[in-house]
């Protein structure tokens, strides 16, 4: 495994920060000279450029110390393969059972309002459809996503 400091991603980040920080320092010095010549707005800019340099260093540090395998889609895929996500979904589904009187109230509300029944049927259909879970999966076959059943009632 490559060192975190010498991977291709890190070398590009090093190059970027080596160009960025002196560039911000030069811009800050230029704004100081403009401010000393009488432009009062340049005082603000002379403080702003060092802030940009610090921001660049923070981004560089995060890029170097961020593990791409533990963040984002790779981590989510690894969690799904390990069964952690399945256990969480099952726990969420079985955490709070719907009381029987609530189900009866939903049925009564749907019987009184056909538009509400149609909307609840639409929500149920949307929840049961297989759909891609993100923009990166657009070229692949869609997967079924676990969506808890939702019912809408009117008070």
N, C-alpha and C. Protein backbone atom coordinates (compact mmCIF):
# COMPACT_ATOMS: atom_id res chain seq x y z
N UNK A 1 0.84 -1.18 0.00
CA UNK A 1 0.00 0.00 0.00
C UNK A 1 0.89 1.25 0.00
N UNK A 2 0.48 2.23 -0.77
CA UNK A 2 1.25 3.47 -0.85
C UNK A 2 1.07 4.29 0.42
N UNK A 3 2.05 5.08 0.71
CA UNK A 3 1.95 5.99 1.84
C UNK A 3 0.91 7.07 1.52
N UNK A 4 0.25 7.53 2.55
CA UNK A 4 -0.77 8.56 2.32
C UNK A 4 -0.15 9.85 1.81
N UNK A 5 1.13 10.08 2.09
CA UNK A 5 1.78 11.31 1.68
C UNK A 5 2.29 11.26 0.24
N UNK A 6 2.43 10.05 -0.33
CA UNK A 6 3.02 9.94 -1.66
C UNK A 6 2.11 9.26 -2.67
N UNK A 7 0.83 9.14 -2.40
CA UNK A 7 -0.09 8.61 -3.40
C UNK A 7 -0.29 9.67 -4.49
N UNK A 8 -0.85 9.26 -5.62
CA UNK A 8 -1.04 10.23 -6.70
C UNK A 8 -2.01 11.34 -6.29
N UNK A 9 -3.03 10.99 -5.53
CA UNK A 9 -3.99 11.98 -5.04
C UNK A 9 -3.28 12.99 -4.13
N UNK A 10 -2.40 12.48 -3.26
CA UNK A 10 -1.68 13.36 -2.34
C UNK A 10 -0.70 14.27 -3.06
N UNK A 11 -0.02 13.74 -4.06
CA UNK A 11 0.94 14.56 -4.80
C UNK A 11 0.25 15.71 -5.53
N UNK A 12 -0.92 15.45 -6.06
CA UNK A 12 -1.68 16.53 -6.71
C UNK A 12 -2.11 17.57 -5.66
N UNK A 13 -2.53 17.10 -4.49
CA UNK A 13 -2.91 18.03 -3.42
C UNK A 13 -1.71 18.84 -2.95
N UNK A 14 -0.54 18.19 -2.84
CA UNK A 14 0.67 18.92 -2.45
C UNK A 14 1.00 20.02 -3.46
N UNK A 15 0.93 19.67 -4.73
CA UNK A 15 1.22 20.65 -5.78
C UNK A 15 0.24 21.82 -5.71
N UNK A 16 -1.03 21.51 -5.50
CA UNK A 16 -2.05 22.56 -5.44
C UNK A 16 -1.79 23.50 -4.26
N UNK A 17 -1.46 22.95 -3.09
CA UNK A 17 -1.24 23.81 -1.93
C UNK A 17 0.07 24.59 -2.05
N UNK A 18 1.05 24.01 -2.73
CA UNK A 18 2.32 24.71 -2.94
C UNK A 18 2.11 25.92 -3.85
N UNK A 19 1.17 25.83 -4.77
CA UNK A 19 0.86 26.97 -5.66
C UNK A 19 -0.12 27.92 -4.97
N UNK A 20 -1.09 27.38 -4.24
CA UNK A 20 -2.18 28.17 -3.67
C UNK A 20 -1.70 29.12 -2.56
N UNK A 21 -0.96 28.60 -1.58
CA UNK A 21 -0.60 29.42 -0.42
C UNK A 21 0.30 30.60 -0.80
N UNK A 22 1.38 30.39 -1.57
CA UNK A 22 2.16 31.58 -1.97
C UNK A 22 1.36 32.54 -2.86
N UNK A 23 0.46 31.99 -3.68
CA UNK A 23 -0.39 32.85 -4.49
C UNK A 23 -1.28 33.73 -3.63
N UNK A 24 -1.84 33.15 -2.58
CA UNK A 24 -2.68 33.94 -1.65
C UNK A 24 -1.83 34.95 -0.89
N UNK A 25 -0.61 34.56 -0.53
CA UNK A 25 0.28 35.50 0.16
C UNK A 25 0.64 36.67 -0.75
N UNK A 26 0.91 36.38 -2.01
CA UNK A 26 1.23 37.45 -2.95
C UNK A 26 0.03 38.37 -3.16
N UNK A 27 -1.15 37.80 -3.27
CA UNK A 27 -2.35 38.62 -3.43
C UNK A 27 -2.61 39.47 -2.19
N UNK A 28 -2.35 38.90 -1.00
CA UNK A 28 -2.53 39.66 0.23
C UNK A 28 -1.55 40.83 0.28
N UNK A 29 -0.29 40.59 -0.08
CA UNK A 29 0.70 41.67 -0.08
C UNK A 29 0.34 42.75 -1.09
N UNK A 30 -0.14 42.33 -2.24
CA UNK A 30 -0.57 43.30 -3.26
C UNK A 30 -1.72 44.15 -2.72
N UNK A 31 -2.68 43.53 -2.01
CA UNK A 31 -3.81 44.30 -1.48
C UNK A 31 -3.36 45.22 -0.35
N UNK A 32 -2.33 44.82 0.40
CA UNK A 32 -1.80 45.72 1.44
C UNK A 32 -1.20 46.96 0.79
N UNK A 33 -0.46 46.77 -0.29
CA UNK A 33 0.13 47.93 -0.96
C UNK A 33 -0.95 48.83 -1.56
N UNK A 34 -2.02 48.23 -2.09
CA UNK A 34 -3.13 49.03 -2.62
C UNK A 34 -3.81 49.78 -1.48
N UNK A 35 -3.97 49.12 -0.33
CA UNK A 35 -4.61 49.77 0.82
C UNK A 35 -3.76 50.92 1.34
N UNK A 36 -2.45 50.74 1.38
CA UNK A 36 -1.58 51.81 1.84
C UNK A 36 -1.54 52.98 0.87
N UNK A 37 -1.91 52.73 -0.40
CA UNK A 37 -1.98 53.80 -1.38
C UNK A 37 -3.26 54.61 -1.26
N UNK A 38 -4.20 54.15 -0.41
CA UNK A 38 -5.39 54.95 -0.17
C UNK A 38 -6.72 54.26 -0.43
N UNK A 39 -6.72 53.07 -0.96
CA UNK A 39 -7.99 52.37 -1.21
C UNK A 39 -8.41 51.65 0.07
N UNK A 40 -9.46 52.14 0.72
CA UNK A 40 -9.87 51.60 2.01
C UNK A 40 -10.47 50.20 1.89
N UNK A 41 -11.09 49.88 0.77
CA UNK A 41 -11.66 48.55 0.59
C UNK A 41 -10.58 47.48 0.51
N UNK A 42 -9.39 47.84 0.09
CA UNK A 42 -8.30 46.88 -0.03
C UNK A 42 -7.86 46.34 1.33
N UNK A 43 -8.14 47.08 2.42
CA UNK A 43 -7.83 46.53 3.74
C UNK A 43 -8.61 45.24 3.98
N UNK A 44 -9.85 45.22 3.58
CA UNK A 44 -10.66 44.01 3.71
C UNK A 44 -10.07 42.89 2.87
N UNK A 45 -9.69 43.20 1.65
CA UNK A 45 -9.12 42.18 0.77
C UNK A 45 -7.78 41.67 1.29
N UNK A 46 -7.02 42.54 1.93
CA UNK A 46 -5.72 42.11 2.45
C UNK A 46 -5.88 41.14 3.62
N UNK A 47 -7.02 41.15 4.29
CA UNK A 47 -7.31 40.17 5.34
C UNK A 47 -7.95 38.92 4.73
N UNK A 48 -8.67 39.10 3.67
CA UNK A 48 -9.40 38.00 3.05
C UNK A 48 -8.47 36.96 2.42
N UNK A 49 -7.40 37.40 1.77
CA UNK A 49 -6.51 36.46 1.09
C UNK A 49 -5.81 35.48 2.04
N UNK A 50 -5.35 35.92 3.21
CA UNK A 50 -4.80 34.94 4.15
C UNK A 50 -5.86 33.93 4.62
N UNK A 51 -7.10 34.36 4.72
CA UNK A 51 -8.18 33.42 5.07
C UNK A 51 -8.34 32.36 3.98
N UNK A 52 -8.24 32.79 2.73
CA UNK A 52 -8.30 31.82 1.62
C UNK A 52 -7.13 30.84 1.70
N UNK A 53 -5.95 31.33 2.08
CA UNK A 53 -4.79 30.45 2.20
C UNK A 53 -5.02 29.42 3.30
N UNK A 54 -5.55 29.85 4.45
CA UNK A 54 -5.83 28.92 5.54
C UNK A 54 -6.87 27.90 5.11
N UNK A 55 -7.88 28.35 4.40
CA UNK A 55 -8.90 27.42 3.89
C UNK A 55 -8.26 26.39 2.95
N UNK A 56 -7.35 26.82 2.11
CA UNK A 56 -6.66 25.90 1.22
C UNK A 56 -5.85 24.86 1.98
N UNK A 57 -5.21 25.28 3.06
CA UNK A 57 -4.44 24.33 3.88
C UNK A 57 -5.37 23.33 4.57
N UNK A 58 -6.52 23.79 5.04
CA UNK A 58 -7.50 22.89 5.68
C UNK A 58 -8.00 21.86 4.67
N UNK A 59 -8.32 22.30 3.46
CA UNK A 59 -8.77 21.37 2.42
C UNK A 59 -7.67 20.39 2.07
N UNK A 60 -6.43 20.88 1.95
CA UNK A 60 -5.30 20.00 1.66
C UNK A 60 -5.16 18.95 2.76
N UNK A 61 -5.23 19.36 4.02
CA UNK A 61 -5.09 18.43 5.13
C UNK A 61 -6.18 17.36 5.09
N UNK A 62 -7.41 17.78 4.81
CA UNK A 62 -8.51 16.81 4.75
C UNK A 62 -8.35 15.86 3.57
N UNK A 63 -7.87 16.35 2.45
CA UNK A 63 -7.65 15.47 1.30
C UNK A 63 -6.57 14.43 1.59
N UNK A 64 -5.54 14.83 2.31
CA UNK A 64 -4.45 13.91 2.63
C UNK A 64 -4.91 12.87 3.65
N UNK A 65 -5.63 13.29 4.65
CA UNK A 65 -5.99 12.40 5.76
C UNK A 65 -7.34 11.72 5.60
N UNK A 66 -8.04 11.99 4.53
CA UNK A 66 -9.33 11.36 4.28
C UNK A 66 -9.11 10.06 3.53
N UNK A 67 -9.68 8.98 4.03
CA UNK A 67 -9.55 7.68 3.38
C UNK A 67 -10.75 7.49 2.46
N UNK A 68 -10.55 7.43 1.14
CA UNK A 68 -11.69 7.29 0.23
C UNK A 68 -12.48 6.01 0.45
N UNK A 69 -11.84 4.99 1.05
CA UNK A 69 -12.55 3.73 1.27
C UNK A 69 -13.47 3.78 2.49
N UNK A 70 -13.33 4.78 3.33
CA UNK A 70 -14.16 4.86 4.52
C UNK A 70 -15.23 5.94 4.43
N UNK A 71 -15.30 6.62 3.30
CA UNK A 71 -16.26 7.71 3.13
C UNK A 71 -17.04 7.50 1.84
N UNK A 72 -18.30 7.82 1.85
CA UNK A 72 -19.09 7.83 0.63
C UNK A 72 -19.57 6.48 0.18
N UNK A 73 -19.60 6.30 -1.13
CA UNK A 73 -20.20 5.12 -1.75
C UNK A 73 -19.46 3.84 -1.41
N UNK A 74 -18.14 3.91 -1.31
CA UNK A 74 -17.38 2.70 -0.99
C UNK A 74 -17.71 2.20 0.41
N UNK A 75 -17.80 3.12 1.36
CA UNK A 75 -18.12 2.73 2.73
C UNK A 75 -19.54 2.20 2.82
N UNK A 76 -20.46 2.82 2.09
CA UNK A 76 -21.84 2.35 2.09
C UNK A 76 -21.93 0.95 1.49
N UNK A 77 -21.23 0.71 0.41
CA UNK A 77 -21.22 -0.62 -0.20
C UNK A 77 -20.63 -1.66 0.73
N UNK A 78 -19.55 -1.32 1.42
CA UNK A 78 -18.94 -2.25 2.36
C UNK A 78 -19.89 -2.54 3.53
N UNK A 79 -20.60 -1.52 4.01
CA UNK A 79 -21.55 -1.74 5.11
C UNK A 79 -22.71 -2.62 4.65
N UNK A 80 -23.16 -2.41 3.43
CA UNK A 80 -24.25 -3.25 2.92
C UNK A 80 -23.80 -4.70 2.77
N UNK A 81 -22.59 -4.90 2.27
CA UNK A 81 -22.09 -6.26 2.12
C UNK A 81 -21.90 -6.95 3.46
N UNK A 82 -21.54 -6.18 4.48
CA UNK A 82 -21.29 -6.80 5.78
C UNK A 82 -22.57 -7.06 6.56
N UNK A 83 -23.68 -6.54 6.10
CA UNK A 83 -24.95 -6.80 6.77
C UNK A 83 -25.31 -5.77 7.80
N UNK A 84 -24.48 -4.77 8.02
CA UNK A 84 -24.79 -3.74 9.00
C UNK A 84 -26.04 -2.97 8.60
N UNK A 85 -26.13 -2.63 7.31
CA UNK A 85 -27.28 -1.84 6.85
C UNK A 85 -28.56 -2.67 6.94
N UNK A 86 -28.48 -3.96 6.62
CA UNK A 86 -29.68 -4.80 6.71
C UNK A 86 -30.18 -4.88 8.14
N UNK A 87 -29.29 -5.03 9.08
CA UNK A 87 -29.69 -5.10 10.49
C UNK A 87 -30.32 -3.78 10.94
N UNK A 88 -29.78 -2.66 10.46
CA UNK A 88 -30.33 -1.36 10.84
C UNK A 88 -31.73 -1.17 10.27
N UNK A 89 -31.94 -1.60 9.02
CA UNK A 89 -33.26 -1.47 8.40
C UNK A 89 -34.26 -2.36 9.12
N UNK A 90 -33.86 -3.59 9.46
CA UNK A 90 -34.76 -4.49 10.17
C UNK A 90 -35.10 -3.94 11.55
N UNK A 91 -34.13 -3.36 12.24
CA UNK A 91 -34.39 -2.78 13.55
C UNK A 91 -35.34 -1.60 13.43
N UNK A 92 -35.18 -0.80 12.36
CA UNK A 92 -36.06 0.35 12.17
C UNK A 92 -37.49 -0.09 11.87
N UNK A 93 -37.62 -1.14 11.08
CA UNK A 93 -38.96 -1.63 10.74
C UNK A 93 -39.70 -2.18 11.94
N UNK A 94 -38.98 -2.85 12.84
CA UNK A 94 -39.63 -3.51 13.97
C UNK A 94 -39.57 -2.70 15.25
N UNK A 95 -39.10 -1.46 15.18
CA UNK A 95 -38.92 -0.66 16.38
C UNK A 95 -40.26 -0.21 16.97
N UNK A 96 -41.15 0.28 16.14
CA UNK A 96 -42.40 0.83 16.66
C UNK A 96 -43.58 0.25 15.87
N UNK A 97 -44.21 -0.79 16.40
CA UNK A 97 -45.36 -1.34 15.69
C UNK A 97 -46.53 -0.35 15.71
N UNK A 98 -47.30 -0.36 14.64
CA UNK A 98 -48.45 0.54 14.53
C UNK A 98 -49.61 -0.06 15.33
N UNK A 99 -50.19 0.71 16.24
CA UNK A 99 -51.31 0.19 17.02
C UNK A 99 -52.51 -0.12 16.12
N UNK A 100 -53.30 -1.07 16.53
CA UNK A 100 -54.45 -1.50 15.73
C UNK A 100 -55.46 -0.37 15.58
N UNK A 101 -55.67 0.42 16.64
CA UNK A 101 -56.64 1.52 16.52
C UNK A 101 -56.18 2.56 15.50
N UNK A 102 -54.87 2.73 15.34
CA UNK A 102 -54.37 3.67 14.33
C UNK A 102 -54.67 3.15 12.93
N UNK A 103 -54.53 1.87 12.71
CA UNK A 103 -54.85 1.28 11.40
C UNK A 103 -56.33 1.45 11.11
N UNK A 104 -57.17 1.25 12.13
CA UNK A 104 -58.62 1.44 11.93
C UNK A 104 -58.94 2.89 11.61
N UNK A 105 -58.27 3.83 12.27
CA UNK A 105 -58.51 5.24 11.97
C UNK A 105 -58.09 5.58 10.54
N UNK A 106 -56.99 4.97 10.07
CA UNK A 106 -56.54 5.20 8.69
C UNK A 106 -57.59 4.68 7.72
N UNK A 107 -58.08 3.48 7.96
CA UNK A 107 -59.10 2.90 7.07
C UNK A 107 -60.37 3.74 7.07
N UNK A 108 -60.78 4.24 8.26
CA UNK A 108 -61.97 5.09 8.33
C UNK A 108 -61.76 6.40 7.56
N UNK A 109 -60.59 6.98 7.70
CA UNK A 109 -60.30 8.23 6.99
C UNK A 109 -60.26 8.00 5.49
N UNK A 110 -59.70 6.86 5.05
CA UNK A 110 -59.68 6.56 3.62
C UNK A 110 -61.07 6.31 3.08
N UNK A 111 -61.93 5.67 3.87
CA UNK A 111 -63.30 5.42 3.43
C UNK A 111 -64.07 6.73 3.28
N UNK A 112 -63.78 7.69 4.14
CA UNK A 112 -64.49 8.97 4.08
C UNK A 112 -63.94 9.87 2.97
N UNK A 113 -62.70 9.67 2.57
CA UNK A 113 -62.08 10.55 1.58
C UNK A 113 -61.39 9.72 0.51
N UNK A 114 -62.02 9.58 -0.68
CA UNK A 114 -61.40 8.77 -1.73
C UNK A 114 -60.08 9.36 -2.24
N UNK A 115 -59.93 10.68 -2.18
CA UNK A 115 -58.67 11.28 -2.62
C UNK A 115 -57.53 10.87 -1.69
N UNK A 116 -57.79 10.78 -0.40
CA UNK A 116 -56.78 10.34 0.55
C UNK A 116 -56.42 8.87 0.31
N UNK A 117 -57.42 8.05 0.03
CA UNK A 117 -57.15 6.64 -0.26
C UNK A 117 -56.30 6.51 -1.52
N UNK A 118 -56.61 7.30 -2.53
CA UNK A 118 -55.83 7.25 -3.76
C UNK A 118 -54.40 7.72 -3.53
N UNK A 119 -54.23 8.75 -2.71
CA UNK A 119 -52.89 9.25 -2.41
C UNK A 119 -52.09 8.20 -1.62
N UNK A 120 -52.71 7.55 -0.65
CA UNK A 120 -52.02 6.52 0.11
C UNK A 120 -51.64 5.33 -0.78
N UNK A 121 -52.51 4.99 -1.72
CA UNK A 121 -52.16 3.92 -2.67
C UNK A 121 -50.97 4.32 -3.54
N UNK A 122 -50.94 5.59 -3.94
CA UNK A 122 -49.83 6.10 -4.73
C UNK A 122 -48.52 6.03 -3.94
N UNK A 123 -48.56 6.44 -2.65
CA UNK A 123 -47.37 6.36 -1.81
C UNK A 123 -46.91 4.91 -1.63
N UNK A 124 -47.84 4.01 -1.48
CA UNK A 124 -47.50 2.60 -1.33
C UNK A 124 -46.84 2.06 -2.60
N UNK A 125 -47.36 2.48 -3.75
CA UNK A 125 -46.77 2.06 -5.02
C UNK A 125 -45.36 2.61 -5.17
N UNK A 126 -45.15 3.88 -4.82
CA UNK A 126 -43.81 4.46 -4.90
C UNK A 126 -42.83 3.74 -3.98
N UNK A 127 -43.30 3.38 -2.80
CA UNK A 127 -42.44 2.69 -1.85
C UNK A 127 -42.08 1.29 -2.28
N UNK A 128 -42.93 0.67 -3.07
CA UNK A 128 -42.68 -0.72 -3.47
C UNK A 128 -41.87 -0.83 -4.76
N UNK A 129 -41.73 0.26 -5.50
CA UNK A 129 -40.99 0.23 -6.75
C UNK A 129 -39.50 0.05 -6.50
N UNK A 130 -38.84 -0.63 -7.43
CA UNK A 130 -37.38 -0.71 -7.38
C UNK A 130 -36.85 0.55 -8.03
N UNK A 131 -35.87 1.15 -7.39
CA UNK A 131 -35.32 2.39 -7.94
C UNK A 131 -33.85 2.49 -7.59
N UNK A 132 -33.07 3.20 -8.41
CA UNK A 132 -31.66 3.39 -8.08
C UNK A 132 -31.54 4.26 -6.84
N UNK A 133 -30.49 4.04 -6.06
CA UNK A 133 -30.34 4.77 -4.81
C UNK A 133 -29.49 6.03 -4.96
N UNK A 134 -28.91 6.29 -6.12
CA UNK A 134 -28.10 7.49 -6.27
C UNK A 134 -27.74 7.73 -7.71
N UNK A 135 -27.15 8.86 -7.95
CA UNK A 135 -26.83 9.24 -9.33
C UNK A 135 -25.71 8.38 -9.89
N UNK A 136 -24.86 7.79 -9.06
CA UNK A 136 -23.76 6.98 -9.57
C UNK A 136 -24.23 5.65 -10.11
N UNK A 137 -25.39 5.22 -9.74
CA UNK A 137 -25.89 3.92 -10.16
C UNK A 137 -26.78 4.02 -11.40
N UNK A 138 -26.78 5.15 -12.07
CA UNK A 138 -27.71 5.36 -13.17
C UNK A 138 -27.49 4.40 -14.34
N UNK A 139 -26.26 3.90 -14.54
CA UNK A 139 -25.99 3.00 -15.66
C UNK A 139 -26.27 1.55 -15.34
N UNK A 140 -26.56 1.24 -14.09
CA UNK A 140 -26.76 -0.14 -13.68
C UNK A 140 -28.24 -0.44 -13.49
N UNK A 141 -28.52 -1.70 -13.31
CA UNK A 141 -29.90 -2.11 -13.06
C UNK A 141 -30.35 -1.57 -11.70
N UNK A 142 -31.59 -1.09 -11.58
CA UNK A 142 -32.05 -0.54 -10.31
C UNK A 142 -32.22 -1.64 -9.26
N UNK A 143 -32.04 -1.24 -8.01
CA UNK A 143 -32.22 -2.15 -6.88
C UNK A 143 -33.44 -1.71 -6.10
N UNK A 144 -34.03 -2.66 -5.42
CA UNK A 144 -35.16 -2.32 -4.56
C UNK A 144 -34.60 -1.68 -3.29
N UNK A 145 -35.17 -0.57 -2.89
CA UNK A 145 -34.74 0.12 -1.68
C UNK A 145 -35.76 -0.14 -0.59
N UNK A 146 -35.27 -0.29 0.62
CA UNK A 146 -36.16 -0.52 1.75
C UNK A 146 -36.76 0.80 2.18
N UNK A 147 -38.05 0.96 1.96
CA UNK A 147 -38.75 2.18 2.34
C UNK A 147 -39.87 1.79 3.28
N UNK A 148 -39.91 2.36 4.48
CA UNK A 148 -40.98 2.00 5.39
C UNK A 148 -42.33 2.46 4.85
N UNK A 149 -43.35 1.69 5.16
CA UNK A 149 -44.69 2.01 4.69
C UNK A 149 -45.19 3.25 5.41
N UNK A 150 -45.76 4.19 4.65
CA UNK A 150 -46.28 5.42 5.25
C UNK A 150 -47.73 5.58 4.87
N UNK A 151 -48.49 6.00 5.81
CA UNK A 151 -49.90 6.29 5.57
C UNK A 151 -50.17 7.72 6.04
N UNK A 152 -51.00 8.42 5.33
CA UNK A 152 -51.34 9.79 5.67
C UNK A 152 -52.77 9.81 6.17
N UNK A 153 -52.97 10.46 7.29
CA UNK A 153 -54.33 10.62 7.81
C UNK A 153 -54.57 12.09 8.04
N UNK A 154 -55.79 12.45 7.98
CA UNK A 154 -56.18 13.83 8.27
C UNK A 154 -56.83 13.86 9.64
N UNK A 155 -56.53 14.87 10.44
CA UNK A 155 -57.12 14.93 11.78
C UNK A 155 -58.59 15.23 11.76
